[in-house]
């Protein structure tokens, strides 16, 4: 039961990342994005994954951690693409 509740929390929290990713792609600017925030979230997911591995709790919840990590990491890629757009628009 604890794994199911953890998975539900991760899924609910994870639904915001694709929405945020689409918004950031459409915006084509990094002005509303925070690199520190994105890195902090990535660090949190990496810590959650490490906790699962260290405690030998390898189960389906780990897949949800990885899915969220991938989508947040895509936001990191978009941040740098949008930063490049911002730099090019100032020239």
Protein backbone atom coordinates (compact mmCIF):
# COMPACT_ATOMS: atom_id res chain seq x y z
CA UNK A 1 0.00 0.00 0.00
CA UNK A 2 2.76 2.56 0.75
CA UNK A 3 4.18 2.03 -2.76
CA UNK A 4 0.79 2.67 -4.35
CA UNK A 5 0.37 5.91 -2.38
CA UNK A 6 3.88 7.02 -3.32
CA UNK A 7 3.14 6.27 -6.97
CA UNK A 8 -0.11 8.29 -6.81
CA UNK A 9 1.79 11.24 -5.30
CA UNK A 10 4.43 11.04 -8.01
CA UNK A 11 1.85 10.74 -10.78
CA UNK A 12 -0.16 13.70 -9.49
CA UNK A 13 2.97 15.80 -9.08
CA UNK A 14 4.31 14.55 -12.40
CA UNK A 15 1.28 15.74 -14.39
CA UNK A 16 2.48 19.31 -13.97
CA UNK A 17 5.79 18.72 -15.76
CA UNK A 18 4.48 18.01 -19.28
CA UNK A 19 2.19 21.05 -18.99
CA UNK A 20 5.15 23.16 -17.89
CA UNK A 21 7.28 21.74 -20.71
CA UNK A 22 4.71 22.63 -23.37
CA UNK A 23 4.32 26.14 -21.92
CA UNK A 24 8.07 26.68 -21.98
CA UNK A 25 8.43 25.39 -25.54
CA UNK A 26 5.69 27.75 -26.74
CA UNK A 27 7.09 30.73 -24.80
CA UNK A 28 10.51 30.59 -26.53
CA UNK A 29 11.97 32.56 -23.66
CA UNK A 30 13.74 31.57 -20.45
CA UNK A 31 12.64 34.71 -18.63
CA UNK A 32 9.92 32.93 -16.65
CA UNK A 33 12.05 29.83 -16.00
CA UNK A 34 14.32 29.21 -13.02
CA UNK A 35 17.45 27.13 -13.60
CA UNK A 36 17.91 26.71 -9.84
CA UNK A 37 14.34 25.39 -9.45
CA UNK A 38 14.73 22.89 -12.29
CA UNK A 39 18.05 21.64 -10.91
CA UNK A 40 16.57 21.36 -7.41
CA UNK A 41 13.70 19.22 -8.71
CA UNK A 42 16.12 17.03 -10.69
CA UNK A 43 18.24 16.58 -7.57
CA UNK A 44 15.11 15.57 -5.62
CA UNK A 45 14.17 12.92 -8.18
CA UNK A 46 17.74 11.59 -8.28
CA UNK A 47 17.68 11.36 -4.46
CA UNK A 48 14.34 9.52 -4.60
CA UNK A 49 15.72 7.08 -7.18
CA UNK A 50 18.86 6.56 -5.10
CA UNK A 51 16.75 5.92 -1.99
CA UNK A 52 14.77 3.24 -3.83
CA UNK A 53 17.94 1.56 -5.07
CA UNK A 54 19.81 1.74 -1.74
CA UNK A 55 16.81 0.36 0.17
CA UNK A 56 16.36 -2.41 -2.44
CA UNK A 57 12.79 -1.28 -3.13
CA UNK A 58 13.02 -1.80 -6.86
CA UNK A 59 9.39 -1.73 -8.01
CA UNK A 60 7.02 0.07 -10.36
CA UNK A 61 7.32 3.30 -8.35
CA UNK A 62 10.92 3.58 -9.57
CA UNK A 63 9.59 3.78 -13.14
CA UNK A 64 7.44 6.77 -12.16
CA UNK A 65 10.49 8.48 -10.65
CA UNK A 66 12.39 7.94 -13.89
CA UNK A 67 9.49 9.20 -16.03
CA UNK A 68 9.24 12.40 -13.99
CA UNK A 69 13.02 12.82 -14.08
CA UNK A 70 13.01 12.55 -17.87
CA UNK A 71 10.28 15.17 -18.30
CA UNK A 72 11.95 17.59 -15.85
CA UNK A 73 15.25 17.03 -17.64
CA UNK A 74 13.54 17.97 -20.90
CA UNK A 75 12.55 21.22 -19.20
CA UNK A 76 16.26 21.75 -18.50
CA UNK A 77 17.04 21.28 -22.21
CA UNK A 78 14.27 23.72 -23.14
CA UNK A 79 15.65 26.22 -20.62
CA UNK A 80 18.98 26.33 -22.47
CA UNK A 81 17.29 26.44 -25.88
CA UNK A 82 15.10 29.33 -24.71
CA UNK A 83 18.10 31.09 -23.21
CA UNK A 84 19.76 30.90 -26.62
CA UNK A 85 16.58 32.38 -28.17
CA UNK A 86 16.73 35.22 -25.63
CA UNK A 87 20.39 35.89 -26.40
CA UNK A 88 19.77 35.87 -30.17
CA UNK A 89 16.79 38.21 -29.89
CA UNK A 90 18.93 40.79 -28.07
CA UNK A 91 21.47 40.95 -30.88
